[in-house]
C-alpha atoms as a PDB file:
ATOM      1  CA  MET A   1      16.481  13.380  -4.980  1.00  0.00           C
ATOM      2  CA  ASN A   2      14.640  10.070  -4.910  1.00  0.00           C
ATOM      3  CA  ARG A   3      12.527   8.739  -7.777  1.00  0.00           C
ATOM      4  CA  ARG A   4       9.192   9.531  -6.161  1.00  0.00           C
ATOM      5  CA  ARG A   5      10.125  13.137  -5.393  1.00  0.00           C
ATOM      6  CA  ALA A   6      11.530  13.589  -8.879  1.00  0.00           C
ATOM      7  CA  VAL A   7       8.337  12.314 -10.495  1.00  0.00           C
ATOM      8  CA  LEU A   8       6.049  14.369  -8.288  1.00  0.00           C
ATOM      9  CA  GLY A   9       8.211  17.433  -8.654  1.00  0.00           C
ATOM     10  CA  GLY A  10       8.141  17.060 -12.419  1.00  0.00           C
ATOM     11  CA  SER A  11       4.364  16.726 -12.348  1.00  0.00           C
ATOM     12  CA  ALA A  12       4.009  19.889 -10.276  1.00  0.00           C
ATOM     13  CA  PHE A  13       6.298  21.714 -12.714  1.00  0.00           C
ATOM     14  CA  CYS A  14       4.161  20.566 -15.630  1.00  0.00           C
ATOM     15  CA  LEU A  15       1.057  21.855 -13.884  1.00  0.00           C
ATOM     16  CA  SER A  16       2.686  25.214 -13.318  1.00  0.00           C
ATOM     17  CA  LEU A  17       3.124  25.510 -17.086  1.00  0.00           C
ATOM     18  CA  SER A  18      -0.634  25.219 -17.516  1.00  0.00           C
ATOM     19  CA  LEU A  19      -0.145  21.725 -18.921  1.00  0.00           C
ATOM     20  CA  GLY A  20       0.868  23.160 -22.251  1.00  0.00           C
ATOM     21  CA  GLY A  21       4.367  21.638 -22.305  1.00  0.00           C
ATOM     22  CA  CYS A  22       3.523  18.369 -20.616  1.00  0.00           C
ATOM     23  CA  GLY A  23       1.298  16.579 -23.070  1.00  0.00           C
ATOM     24  CA  THR A  24       1.462  12.842 -23.579  1.00  0.00           C
ATOM     25  CA  GLY A  25       4.106  13.261 -26.262  1.00  0.00           C
ATOM     26  CA  SER A  26       6.705  14.609 -23.822  1.00  0.00           C
ATOM     27  CA  ARG A  27       6.609  11.871 -21.183  1.00  0.00           C
ATOM     28  CA  ALA A  28       5.335   8.381 -20.568  1.00  0.00           C
ATOM     29  CA  LEU A  29       1.953   8.182 -18.930  1.00  0.00           C
ATOM     30  CA  LEU A  30       2.052   7.420 -15.197  1.00  0.00           C
ATOM     31  CA  ALA A  31      -0.042   4.778 -13.400  1.00  0.00           C
ATOM     32  CA  ALA A  32      -0.029   4.412  -9.600  1.00  0.00           C
ATOM     33  CA  ASP A  33      -0.950   1.521  -7.324  1.00  0.00           C
ATOM     34  CA  SER A  34      -0.468   1.195  -3.570  1.00  0.00           C
ATOM     35  CA  GLN A  35      -0.031  -2.586  -3.699  1.00  0.00           C
ATOM     36  CA  PRO A  36       3.326  -4.386  -4.157  1.00  0.00           C
ATOM     37  CA  GLU A  37       4.728  -5.876  -7.350  1.00  0.00           C
ATOM     38  CA  ASN A  38       2.932  -9.070  -8.467  1.00  0.00           C
ATOM     39  CA  TYR A  39      -0.258  -8.150  -6.568  1.00  0.00           C
ATOM     40  CA  PRO A  40      -3.264  -8.852  -8.850  1.00  0.00           C
ATOM     41  CA  THR A  41      -4.136  -5.179  -9.353  1.00  0.00           C
ATOM     42  CA  VAL A  42      -0.544  -4.423 -10.370  1.00  0.00           C
ATOM     43  CA  VAL A  43      -0.527  -7.411 -12.741  1.00  0.00           C
ATOM     44  CA  ALA A  44      -3.711  -6.012 -14.300  1.00  0.00           C
ATOM     45  CA  LEU A  45      -2.205  -2.530 -14.616  1.00  0.00           C
ATOM     46  CA  ARG A  46       0.825  -3.932 -16.396  1.00  0.00           C
ATOM     47  CA  PHE A  47      -1.458  -5.832 -18.788  1.00  0.00           C
ATOM     48  CA  PHE A  48      -3.457  -2.620 -19.347  1.00  0.00           C
ATOM     49  CA  SER A  49      -0.201  -0.820 -20.169  1.00  0.00           C
ATOM     50  CA  ALA A  50       0.899  -3.478 -22.649  1.00  0.00           C
ATOM     51  CA  GLU A  51      -2.528  -3.600 -24.277  1.00  0.00           C
ATOM     52  CA  LEU A  52      -2.713   0.189 -24.664  1.00  0.00           C
ATOM     53  CA  ASP A  53       0.759   0.152 -26.201  1.00  0.00           C
ATOM     54  CA  ARG A  54      -0.392  -2.520 -28.670  1.00  0.00           C
ATOM     55  CA  LEU A  55      -3.657  -0.809 -29.559  1.00  0.00           C
ATOM     56  CA  THR A  56      -1.950   2.516 -30.290  1.00  0.00           C
ATOM     57  CA  GLY A  57       1.077   1.140 -32.122  1.00  0.00           C
ATOM     58  CA  GLY A  58       3.393   2.183 -29.328  1.00  0.00           C
ATOM     59  CA  ARG A  59       2.265   5.825 -29.163  1.00  0.00           C
ATOM     60  CA  LEU A  60       0.750   5.596 -25.678  1.00  0.00           C
ATOM     61  CA  LYS A  61       3.086   4.062 -23.140  1.00  0.00           C
ATOM     62  CA  VAL A  62       2.237   3.717 -19.441  1.00  0.00           C
ATOM     63  CA  ASP A  63       4.838   3.385 -16.689  1.00  0.00           C
ATOM     64  CA  VAL A  64       3.358   1.515 -13.704  1.00  0.00           C
ATOM     65  CA  TYR A  65       4.512   2.469 -10.191  1.00  0.00           C
ATOM     66  CA  PRO A  66       3.393   0.014  -7.472  1.00  0.00           C
ATOM     67  CA  SER A  67       4.053   0.043  -3.711  1.00  0.00           C
ATOM     68  CA  GLU A  68       3.017   3.688  -3.176  1.00  0.00           C
ATOM     69  CA  GLN A  69       6.077   4.903  -5.105  1.00  0.00           C
ATOM     70  CA  LEU A  70       4.075   7.932  -6.230  1.00  0.00           C
ATOM     71  CA  GLY A  71       2.421   8.456  -2.851  1.00  0.00           C
ATOM     72  CA  SER A  72      -0.420   7.123  -0.761  1.00  0.00           C
ATOM     73  CA  GLN A  73      -3.829   6.556  -2.303  1.00  0.00           C
ATOM     74  CA  ASN A  74      -4.962   9.976  -1.087  1.00  0.00           C
ATOM     75  CA  ASP A  75      -1.840  11.559  -2.603  1.00  0.00           C
ATOM     76  CA  THR A  76      -2.299   9.906  -5.978  1.00  0.00           C
ATOM     77  CA  LEU A  77      -6.001  10.728  -6.008  1.00  0.00           C
ATOM     78  CA  GLU A  78      -5.206  14.435  -5.623  1.00  0.00           C
ATOM     79  CA  LEU A  79      -2.443  14.284  -8.222  1.00  0.00           C
ATOM     80  CA  ALA A  80      -4.743  12.556 -10.714  1.00  0.00           C
ATOM     81  CA  GLN A  81      -7.358  15.259 -10.226  1.00  0.00           C
ATOM     82  CA  LEU A  82      -4.655  17.843 -11.004  1.00  0.00           C
ATOM     83  CA  GLY A  83      -3.307  15.952 -14.013  1.00  0.00           C
ATOM     84  CA  GLY A  84       0.027  15.034 -12.412  1.00  0.00           C
ATOM     85  CA  ILE A  85      -0.713  11.286 -12.596  1.00  0.00           C
ATOM     86  CA  ASP A  86      -2.645   9.804 -15.490  1.00  0.00           C
ATOM     87  CA  PHE A  87      -4.019   6.524 -14.088  1.00  0.00           C
ATOM     88  CA  ILE A  88      -4.739   5.377 -10.553  1.00  0.00           C
ATOM     89  CA  ARG A  89      -5.915   2.125  -9.083  1.00  0.00           C
ATOM     90  CA  ILE A  90      -7.697   3.176  -5.933  1.00  0.00           C
ATOM     91  CA  ASN A  91      -9.779   1.648  -3.177  1.00  0.00           C
ATOM     92  CA  SER A  92     -13.294   3.065  -2.987  1.00  0.00           C
ATOM     93  CA  ALA A  93     -12.852   4.316   0.609  1.00  0.00           C
ATOM     94  CA  PRO A  94     -10.866   7.493  -0.289  1.00  0.00           C
ATOM     95  CA  LEU A  95     -13.554   8.295  -2.866  1.00  0.00           C
ATOM     96  CA  ASN A  96     -16.461   7.927  -0.437  1.00  0.00           C
ATOM     97  CA  VAL A  97     -16.157  11.455   0.966  1.00  0.00           C
ATOM     98  CA  LEU A  98     -16.173  12.932  -2.549  1.00  0.00           C
ATOM     99  CA  ILE A  99     -18.494  10.746  -4.561  1.00  0.00           C
ATOM    100  CA  PRO A 100     -21.604   9.420  -2.794  1.00  0.00           C
ATOM    101  CA  GLU A 101     -22.226   6.752  -5.427  1.00  0.00           C
ATOM    102  CA  THR A 102     -18.971   4.998  -4.452  1.00  0.00           C
ATOM    103  CA  LEU A 103     -20.465   4.314  -1.017  1.00  0.00           C
ATOM    104  CA  VAL A 104     -22.991   1.884  -2.449  1.00  0.00           C
ATOM    105  CA  PRO A 105     -20.671  -1.066  -3.280  1.00  0.00           C
ATOM    106  CA  SER A 106     -19.029  -0.581   0.128  1.00  0.00           C
ATOM    107  CA  LEU A 107     -22.275  -1.152   2.021  1.00  0.00           C
ATOM    108  CA  PRO A 108     -21.944  -4.199   4.303  1.00  0.00           C
ATOM    109  CA  PHE A 109     -23.645  -7.414   3.183  1.00  0.00           C
ATOM    110  CA  LEU A 110     -24.866  -5.792  -0.046  1.00  0.00           C
ATOM    111  CA  PHE A 111     -23.572  -8.463  -2.419  1.00  0.00           C
ATOM    112  CA  ARG A 112     -24.705 -12.077  -2.256  1.00  0.00           C
ATOM    113  CA  SER A 113     -21.467 -13.420  -3.685  1.00  0.00           C
ATOM    114  CA  ILE A 114     -18.384 -12.489  -5.703  1.00  0.00           C
ATOM    115  CA  PRO A 115     -20.177 -13.420  -8.986  1.00  0.00           C
ATOM    116  CA  HIS A 116     -23.047 -11.118  -7.986  1.00  0.00           C
ATOM    117  CA  MET A 117     -20.617  -8.257  -7.275  1.00  0.00           C
ATOM    118  CA  ARG A 118     -18.816  -8.741 -10.590  1.00  0.00           C
ATOM    119  CA  ALA A 119     -22.025  -8.894 -12.609  1.00  0.00           C
ATOM    120  CA  ALA A 120     -23.501  -5.787 -10.966  1.00  0.00           C
ATOM    121  CA  MET A 121     -20.307  -3.760 -11.367  1.00  0.00           C
ATOM    122  CA  ASP A 122     -19.927  -4.812 -15.017  1.00  0.00           C
ATOM    123  CA  GLY A 123     -23.563  -3.904 -15.617  1.00  0.00           C
ATOM    124  CA  GLY A 124     -25.720  -0.813 -15.266  1.00  0.00           C
ATOM    125  CA  PRO A 125     -25.153  -0.135 -11.539  1.00  0.00           C
ATOM    126  CA  GLY A 126     -21.386  -0.186 -11.991  1.00  0.00           C
ATOM    127  CA  GLN A 127     -21.529   2.117 -14.998  1.00  0.00           C
ATOM    128  CA  THR A 128     -23.599   4.600 -12.987  1.00  0.00           C
ATOM    129  CA  ILE A 129     -20.904   4.649 -10.299  1.00  0.00           C
ATOM    130  CA  LEU A 130     -18.041   5.051 -12.778  1.00  0.00           C
ATOM    131  CA  ALA A 131     -19.852   7.892 -14.553  1.00  0.00           C
ATOM    132  CA  ALA A 132     -20.184   9.762 -11.243  1.00  0.00           C
ATOM    133  CA  LEU A 133     -16.390  10.160 -11.033  1.00  0.00           C
ATOM    134  CA  GLU A 134     -16.205  12.585 -13.950  1.00  0.00           C
ATOM    135  CA  GLN A 135     -17.496  15.648 -12.111  1.00  0.00           C
ATOM    136  CA  TYR A 136     -14.647  15.150  -9.620  1.00  0.00           C
ATOM    137  CA  GLY A 137     -11.835  15.212 -12.161  1.00  0.00           C
ATOM    138  CA  LEU A 138     -11.649  11.480 -12.901  1.00  0.00           C
ATOM    139  CA  VAL A 139     -12.810   9.149 -15.659  1.00  0.00           C
ATOM    140  CA  GLY A 140     -13.890   5.779 -14.308  1.00  0.00           C
ATOM    141  CA  LEU A 141     -12.599   2.942 -16.490  1.00  0.00           C
ATOM    142  CA  ALA A 142     -13.101  -0.377 -14.711  1.00  0.00           C
ATOM    143  CA  PHE A 143     -13.667  -2.207 -11.457  1.00  0.00           C
ATOM    144  CA  TYR A 144     -10.986  -4.524 -10.078  1.00  0.00           C
ATOM    145  CA  ASP A 145     -11.678  -7.060  -7.356  1.00  0.00           C
ATOM    146  CA  SER A 146     -10.812  -6.457  -3.738  1.00  0.00           C
ATOM    147  CA  GLY A 147     -12.252  -9.762  -2.608  1.00  0.00           C
ATOM    148  CA  ALA A 148     -14.429 -10.451   0.394  1.00  0.00           C
ATOM    149  CA  ARG A 149     -13.286  -8.724   3.565  1.00  0.00           C
ATOM    150  CA  SER A 150     -13.458 -10.664   6.824  1.00  0.00           C
ATOM    151  CA  ILE A 151     -12.518 -10.148  10.474  1.00  0.00           C
ATOM    152  CA  TYR A 152      -9.202 -11.461  11.775  1.00  0.00           C
ATOM    153  CA  THR A 153      -8.176 -11.319  15.412  1.00  0.00           C
ATOM    154  CA  VAL A 154      -5.333 -12.016  17.799  1.00  0.00           C
ATOM    155  CA  ASP A 155      -7.055 -14.675  19.878  1.00  0.00           C
ATOM    156  CA  ARG A 156     -10.865 -14.773  19.553  1.00  0.00           C
ATOM    157  CA  PRO A 157     -13.056 -16.280  16.823  1.00  0.00           C
ATOM    158  CA  VAL A 158     -15.944 -14.133  15.595  1.00  0.00           C
ATOM    159  CA  ARG A 159     -19.054 -16.180  14.889  1.00  0.00           C
ATOM    160  CA  GLU A 160     -21.829 -13.807  16.006  1.00  0.00           C
ATOM    161  CA  PRO A 161     -22.206 -10.164  17.048  1.00  0.00           C
ATOM    162  CA  ALA A 162     -21.709 -10.997  20.730  1.00  0.00           C
ATOM    163  CA  ASP A 163     -18.156 -12.096  19.909  1.00  0.00           C
ATOM    164  CA  MET A 164     -17.315  -8.571  18.706  1.00  0.00           C
ATOM    165  CA  VAL A 165     -18.213  -6.813  21.951  1.00  0.00           C
ATOM    166  CA  GLY A 166     -15.228  -5.051  23.487  1.00  0.00           C
ATOM    167  CA  MET A 167     -12.871  -5.789  20.595  1.00  0.00           C
ATOM    168  CA  LYS A 168     -10.908  -2.957  18.969  1.00  0.00           C
ATOM    169  CA  ILE A 169     -10.925  -3.610  15.223  1.00  0.00           C
ATOM    170  CA  ARG A 170      -8.772  -1.590  12.847  1.00  0.00           C
ATOM    171  CA  VAL A 171     -10.613  -0.038   9.902  1.00  0.00           C
ATOM    172  CA  GLN A 172      -9.702   2.229   7.014  1.00  0.00           C
ATOM    173  CA  THR A 173     -10.234   5.943   7.544  1.00  0.00           C
ATOM    174  CA  SER A 174     -13.849   5.754   6.456  1.00  0.00           C
ATOM    175  CA  ASP A 175     -16.973   6.827   8.326  1.00  0.00           C
ATOM    176  CA  LEU A 176     -18.852   3.965   6.683  1.00  0.00           C
ATOM    177  CA  PHE A 177     -16.398   1.339   7.925  1.00  0.00           C
ATOM    178  CA  VAL A 178     -16.461   2.858  11.411  1.00  0.00           C
ATOM    179  CA  SER A 179     -20.259   2.692  11.443  1.00  0.00           C
ATOM    180  CA  MET A 180     -20.224  -0.879  10.155  1.00  0.00           C
ATOM    181  CA  ILE A 181     -17.875  -2.241  12.830  1.00  0.00           C
ATOM    182  CA  GLU A 182     -19.758  -0.420  15.574  1.00  0.00           C
ATOM    183  CA  ALA A 183     -23.050  -1.840  14.283  1.00  0.00           C
ATOM    184  CA  MET A 184     -21.472  -5.304  14.342  1.00  0.00           C
ATOM    185  CA  GLY A 185     -20.698  -4.770  18.033  1.00  0.00           C
ATOM    186  CA  GLY A 186     -16.998  -3.871  17.942  1.00  0.00           C
ATOM    187  CA  ASN A 187     -14.978  -0.758  18.644  1.00  0.00           C
ATOM    188  CA  ALA A 188     -13.803   0.655  15.314  1.00  0.00           C
ATOM    189  CA  THR A 189     -10.232   1.991  15.340  1.00  0.00           C
ATOM    190  CA  PRO A 190      -9.106   3.883  12.214  1.00  0.00           C
ATOM    191  CA  MET A 191      -5.400   3.259  11.647  1.00  0.00           C
ATOM    192  CA  ALA A 192      -2.897   3.463   8.804  1.00  0.00           C
ATOM    193  CA  TYR A 193      -2.398   0.099   7.094  1.00  0.00           C
ATOM    194  CA  GLY A 194       1.327   0.115   7.794  1.00  0.00           C
ATOM    195  CA  GLU A 195       0.720   0.395  11.556  1.00  0.00           C
ATOM    196  CA  VAL A 196      -1.641  -2.575  11.892  1.00  0.00           C
ATOM    197  CA  TYR A 197       0.950  -5.309  12.501  1.00  0.00           C
ATOM    198  CA  GLN A 198       2.634  -3.465  15.341  1.00  0.00           C
ATOM    199  CA  GLY A 199      -0.729  -2.322  16.676  1.00  0.00           C
ATOM    200  CA  MET A 200      -1.739  -5.943  17.178  1.00  0.00           C
ATOM    201  CA  VAL A 201       1.649  -6.861  18.663  1.00  0.00           C
ATOM    202  CA  GLN A 202       1.355  -4.058  21.213  1.00  0.00           C
ATOM    203  CA  GLY A 203      -2.297  -4.728  22.016  1.00  0.00           C
ATOM    204  CA  VAL A 204      -3.464  -1.360  20.699  1.00  0.00           C
ATOM    205  CA  ILE A 205      -5.991  -3.240  18.580  1.00  0.00           C
ATOM    206  CA  ASP A 206      -7.442  -6.752  18.853  1.00  0.00           C
ATOM    207  CA  GLY A 207      -7.738  -7.353  15.143  1.00  0.00           C
ATOM    208  CA  ALA A 208      -8.552  -5.941  11.736  1.00  0.00           C
ATOM    209  CA  GLU A 209     -10.532  -6.810   8.604  1.00  0.00           C
ATOM    210  CA  ASN A 210      -9.367  -7.506   5.080  1.00  0.00           C
ATOM    211  CA  ASN A 211      -9.285 -10.066   2.285  1.00  0.00           C
ATOM    212  CA  PHE A 212      -7.110 -13.195   2.181  1.00  0.00           C
ATOM    213  CA  PRO A 213      -4.369 -11.794  -0.129  1.00  0.00           C
ATOM    214  CA  SER A 214      -3.904  -8.665   1.990  1.00  0.00           C
ATOM    215  CA  TYR A 215      -4.021 -10.663   5.230  1.00  0.00           C
ATOM    216  CA  GLU A 216      -1.314 -12.961   3.883  1.00  0.00           C
ATOM    217  CA  SER A 217       0.933 -10.457   2.045  1.00  0.00           C
ATOM    218  CA  SER A 218       0.998  -8.097   5.051  1.00  0.00           C
ATOM    219  CA  ARG A 219       1.933 -11.071   7.278  1.00  0.00           C
ATOM    220  CA  HIS A 220      -0.808 -10.038   9.695  1.00  0.00           C
ATOM    221  CA  TYR A 221      -1.571 -13.736  10.126  1.00  0.00           C
ATOM    222  CA  GLU A 222       1.634 -14.028  12.163  1.00  0.00           C
ATOM    223  CA  VAL A 223       0.136 -11.950  14.983  1.00  0.00           C
ATOM    224  CA  ALA A 224      -3.603 -12.444  14.340  1.00  0.00           C
ATOM    225  CA  PRO A 225      -3.978 -16.180  13.615  1.00  0.00           C
ATOM    226  CA  VAL A 226      -7.800 -16.358  13.766  1.00  0.00           C
ATOM    227  CA  TYR A 227      -9.570 -15.520  10.486  1.00  0.00           C
ATOM    228  CA  SER A 228     -13.383 -15.480  10.678  1.00  0.00           C
ATOM    229  CA  LEU A 229     -15.113 -15.597   7.289  1.00  0.00           C
ATOM    230  CA  THR A 230     -17.668 -12.856   7.904  1.00  0.00           C
ATOM    231  CA  ARG A 231     -17.335 -11.668   4.268  1.00  0.00           C
ATOM    232  CA  HIS A 232     -19.011  -8.441   5.357  1.00  0.00           C
ATOM    233  CA  VAL A 233     -17.844  -6.229   2.468  1.00  0.00           C
ATOM    234  CA  MET A 234     -17.007  -7.034  -1.176  1.00  0.00           C
ATOM    235  CA  ALA A 235     -16.340  -3.485  -2.359  1.00  0.00           C
ATOM    236  CA  PRO A 236     -14.284  -3.488  -5.577  1.00  0.00           C
ATOM    237  CA  GLU A 237     -11.318  -1.288  -6.455  1.00  0.00           C
ATOM    238  CA  ILE A 238     -11.531   1.301  -9.221  1.00  0.00           C
ATOM    239  CA  LEU A 239      -9.233   1.975 -12.182  1.00  0.00           C
ATOM    240  CA  ALA A 240      -9.583   5.640 -13.100  1.00  0.00           C
ATOM    241  CA  MET A 241      -7.912   8.176 -15.356  1.00  0.00           C
ATOM    242  CA  SER A 242      -7.250  11.847 -14.768  1.00  0.00           C
ATOM    243  CA  LYS A 243      -9.912  13.873 -16.569  1.00  0.00           C
ATOM    244  CA  ILE A 244      -7.244  16.418 -17.504  1.00  0.00           C
ATOM    245  CA  SER A 245      -5.196  13.712 -19.208  1.00  0.00           C
ATOM    246  CA  TRP A 246      -8.303  12.183 -20.784  1.00  0.00           C
ATOM    247  CA  ASP A 247      -9.319  15.472 -22.389  1.00  0.00           C
ATOM    248  CA  ARG A 248      -5.944  15.703 -24.153  1.00  0.00           C
ATOM    249  CA  PHE A 249      -6.618  12.438 -25.987  1.00  0.00           C
ATOM    250  CA  SER A 250      -8.310  12.081 -29.357  1.00  0.00           C
ATOM    251  CA  PRO A 251     -11.579  10.130 -29.444  1.00  0.00           C
ATOM    252  CA  ALA A 252      -9.695   7.204 -31.003  1.00  0.00           C
ATOM    253  CA  ASP A 253      -7.164   7.167 -28.162  1.00  0.00           C
ATOM    254  CA  GLN A 254      -9.947   7.456 -25.594  1.00  0.00           C
ATOM    255  CA  ASP A 255     -11.553   4.389 -27.179  1.00  0.00           C
ATOM    256  CA  ALA A 256      -8.214   2.580 -26.943  1.00  0.00           C
ATOM    257  CA  VAL A 257      -7.925   3.411 -23.239  1.00  0.00           C
ATOM    258  CA  ARG A 258     -11.395   2.029 -22.549  1.00  0.00           C
ATOM    259  CA  ALA A 259     -10.716  -1.087 -24.621  1.00  0.00           C
ATOM    260  CA  ALA A 260      -7.425  -1.753 -22.793  1.00  0.00           C
ATOM    261  CA  ALA A 261      -9.145  -1.260 -19.437  1.00  0.00           C
ATOM    262  CA  ARG A 262     -11.922  -3.730 -20.351  1.00  0.00           C
ATOM    263  CA  ALA A 263      -9.355  -6.265 -21.523  1.00  0.00           C
ATOM    264  CA  SER A 264      -7.503  -6.040 -18.207  1.00  0.00           C
ATOM    265  CA  ILE A 265     -10.560  -7.038 -16.130  1.00  0.00           C
ATOM    266  CA  PRO A 266     -10.558 -10.806 -16.828  1.00  0.00           C
ATOM    267  CA  VAL A 267      -6.776 -10.855 -16.368  1.00  0.00           C
ATOM    268  CA  MET A 268      -7.171  -9.230 -12.971  1.00  0.00           C
ATOM    269  CA  ARG A 269      -9.972 -11.578 -11.911  1.00  0.00           C
ATOM    270  CA  GLU A 270      -8.129 -14.732 -12.939  1.00  0.00           C
ATOM    271  CA  THR A 271      -5.003 -13.561 -11.122  1.00  0.00           C
ATOM    272  CA  TRP A 272      -7.072 -12.560  -8.109  1.00  0.00           C
ATOM    273  CA  ASP A 273      -8.875 -15.894  -7.841  1.00  0.00           C
ATOM    274  CA  GLU A 274      -5.568 -17.759  -8.035  1.00  0.00           C
ATOM    275  CA  ARG A 275      -4.063 -15.471  -5.401  1.00  0.00           C
ATOM    276  CA  VAL A 276      -6.973 -16.005  -2.990  1.00  0.00           C
ATOM    277  CA  VAL A 277      -6.516 -19.783  -3.190  1.00  0.00           C
ATOM    278  CA  GLU A 278      -2.755 -19.502  -2.698  1.00  0.00           C
ATOM    279  CA  SER A 279      -3.045 -16.998   0.175  1.00  0.00           C
ATOM    280  CA  ARG A 280      -5.527 -19.213   1.976  1.00  0.00           C
ATOM    281  CA  ARG A 281      -3.188 -22.185   1.507  1.00  0.00           C
ATOM    282  CA  ILE A 282      -0.242 -20.215   2.929  1.00  0.00           C
ATOM    283  CA  VAL A 283      -2.038 -19.029   6.064  1.00  0.00           C
ATOM    284  CA  SER A 284      -3.618 -22.434   6.637  1.00  0.00           C
ATOM    285  CA  ALA A 285      -0.190 -24.062   6.444  1.00  0.00           C
ATOM    286  CA  ALA A 286       1.043 -21.521   8.989  1.00  0.00           C
ATOM    287  CA  GLY A 287      -1.587 -22.722  11.471  1.00  0.00           C
ATOM    288  CA  VAL A 288      -4.249 -20.022  11.092  1.00  0.00           C
ATOM    289  CA  GLN A 289      -7.679 -20.987  12.432  1.00  0.00           C
ATOM    290  CA  ILE A 290     -10.191 -20.301   9.650  1.00  0.00           C
ATOM    291  CA  VAL A 291     -13.669 -19.954  11.136  1.00  0.00           C
ATOM    292  CA  GLU A 292     -16.493 -20.707   8.705  1.00  0.00           C
ATOM    293  CA  ASP A 293     -19.582 -21.220  10.903  1.00  0.00           C
ATOM    294  CA  ILE A 294     -20.610 -17.550  10.911  1.00  0.00           C
ATOM    295  CA  ASP A 295     -24.111 -16.331  11.733  1.00  0.00           C
ATOM    296  CA  THR A 296     -24.181 -14.051   8.710  1.00  0.00           C
ATOM    297  CA  THR A 297     -27.882 -13.305   9.102  1.00  0.00           C
ATOM    298  CA  ALA A 298     -27.364 -11.959  12.631  1.00  0.00           C
ATOM    299  CA  PHE A 299     -24.710  -9.548  11.355  1.00  0.00           C
ATOM    300  CA  SER A 300     -26.673  -8.568   8.263  1.00  0.00           C
ATOM    301  CA  ASP A 301     -29.774  -7.778  10.330  1.00  0.00           C
ATOM    302  CA  LEU A 302     -27.773  -5.140  12.220  1.00  0.00           C
ATOM    303  CA  MET A 303     -26.901  -3.230   9.053  1.00  0.00           C
ATOM    304  CA  LYS A 304     -30.248  -1.537   8.340  1.00  0.00           C
ATOM    305  CA  PRO A 305     -29.329   1.693  10.200  1.00  0.00           C
ATOM    306  CA  VAL A 306     -25.990   1.786   8.359  1.00  0.00           C
ATOM    307  CA  TRP A 307     -27.679   1.459   4.983  1.00  0.00           C
ATOM    308  CA  GLU A 308     -30.239   4.128   5.902  1.00  0.00           C
ATOM    309  CA  SER A 309     -27.529   6.498   7.064  1.00  0.00           C
ATOM    310  CA  TYR A 310     -25.297   6.238   3.982  1.00  0.00           C
ATOM    311  CA  ALA A 311     -27.785   5.519   1.195  1.00  0.00           C
ATOM    312  CA  ASP A 312     -29.640   8.638   2.271  1.00  0.00           C
ATOM    313  CA  THR A 313     -31.035  10.020  -1.000  1.00  0.00           C
ATOM    314  CA  PRO A 314     -33.636   8.641  -3.419  1.00  0.00           C
ATOM    315  CA  GLU A 315     -30.913   8.267  -6.057  1.00  0.00           C
ATOM    316  CA  LEU A 316     -28.638   6.228  -3.790  1.00  0.00           C
ATOM    317  CA  ARG A 317     -31.502   4.071  -2.547  1.00  0.00           C
ATOM    318  CA  ARG A 318     -32.445   3.356  -6.157  1.00  0.00           C
ATOM    319  CA  LEU A 319     -28.840   2.403  -6.918  1.00  0.00           C
ATOM    320  CA  VAL A 320     -28.819   0.032  -3.930  1.00  0.00           C
ATOM    321  CA  GLU A 321     -31.964  -1.658  -5.194  1.00  0.00           C
ATOM    322  CA  ASP A 322     -30.530  -1.901  -8.706  1.00  0.00           C
ATOM    323  CA  VAL A 323     -27.529  -3.747  -7.254  1.00  0.00           C
ATOM    324  CA  ARG A 324     -29.606  -6.024  -5.043  1.00  0.00           C
ATOM    325  CA  ASN A 325     -31.909  -6.970  -7.932  1.00  0.00           C
ATOM    326  CA  PHE A 326     -29.046  -7.687 -10.334  1.00  0.00           C
ATOM    327  CA  GLY A 327     -28.412 -11.308 -11.308  1.00  0.00           C
ATOM    328  CA  ASP A 328     -25.168 -13.069 -10.485  1.00  0.00           C
ATOM    329  CA  GLY A 329     -24.059 -13.465 -14.092  1.00  0.00           C
ATOM    330  CA  ASN A 330     -24.553 -17.200 -14.148  1.00  0.00           C
ATOM    331  CA  GLY A 331     -27.674 -17.134 -16.215  1.00  0.00           C
END
């Protein structure tokens, strides 16, 4: 039996015992991330683990499992809701179908800049989104960066909406991302992340969209050497805890978890910023064409129907405005 099956099987067994014999004293806490070792979110999770260990005098220990060792993001989301995994670092897309508030930071061209995104997510709008997770079996702890997502293609620069016409662009399995690419003029093609490289090699898709570190670490630049800086989405990742696990903790330990999570944010951001610079250097050295003269206004003007469709309640529209009106944190 492999490690992943053993861990998941053990978690299921614990659940079958009504959680009575599987408290935090009988096993290390589990944290899951889909990204590989040394990716900024994994670095942040390992810091979070060390900080929680320090704050609790070694009582609360977290084992971090990167690279989807405990399952895909959808798998780990379900396990966290059931109490089988204690902490997850998850992209907002799998949460969109459950928690409407998580759609807001994923809206295209919502944030003016990375500093604006960070300030809004650290502030009131971000806290509103994190609080919304609780009714779905999760406790929102922090936002981690996912950078600015841009379009990359096999052979065609994207400078304006007309350049997207006829192109099949891979997106996450997300209705919002499908609507966004179609509004931009392309043909959205939902596809598993692991199939993207071969999909571009075989001509099934013409390109995809992601941030610099993911574009570089996946080696997608080898087959899609044109990276157009559309920066259409800056949706952050979320660090969350199982509500079942959370409720087993004393108030003091809950405070320690929140403090460790807060302390991990600047570590993640510093690591992320360094990784973006290095990833851009790597792909540039490999001959990637980085296209910067983008008609961002033309793309942004096409997003009104998308915003209206997904921010479709007074509460969500108010949250959008709260984000838009938030300062960028630079005074």
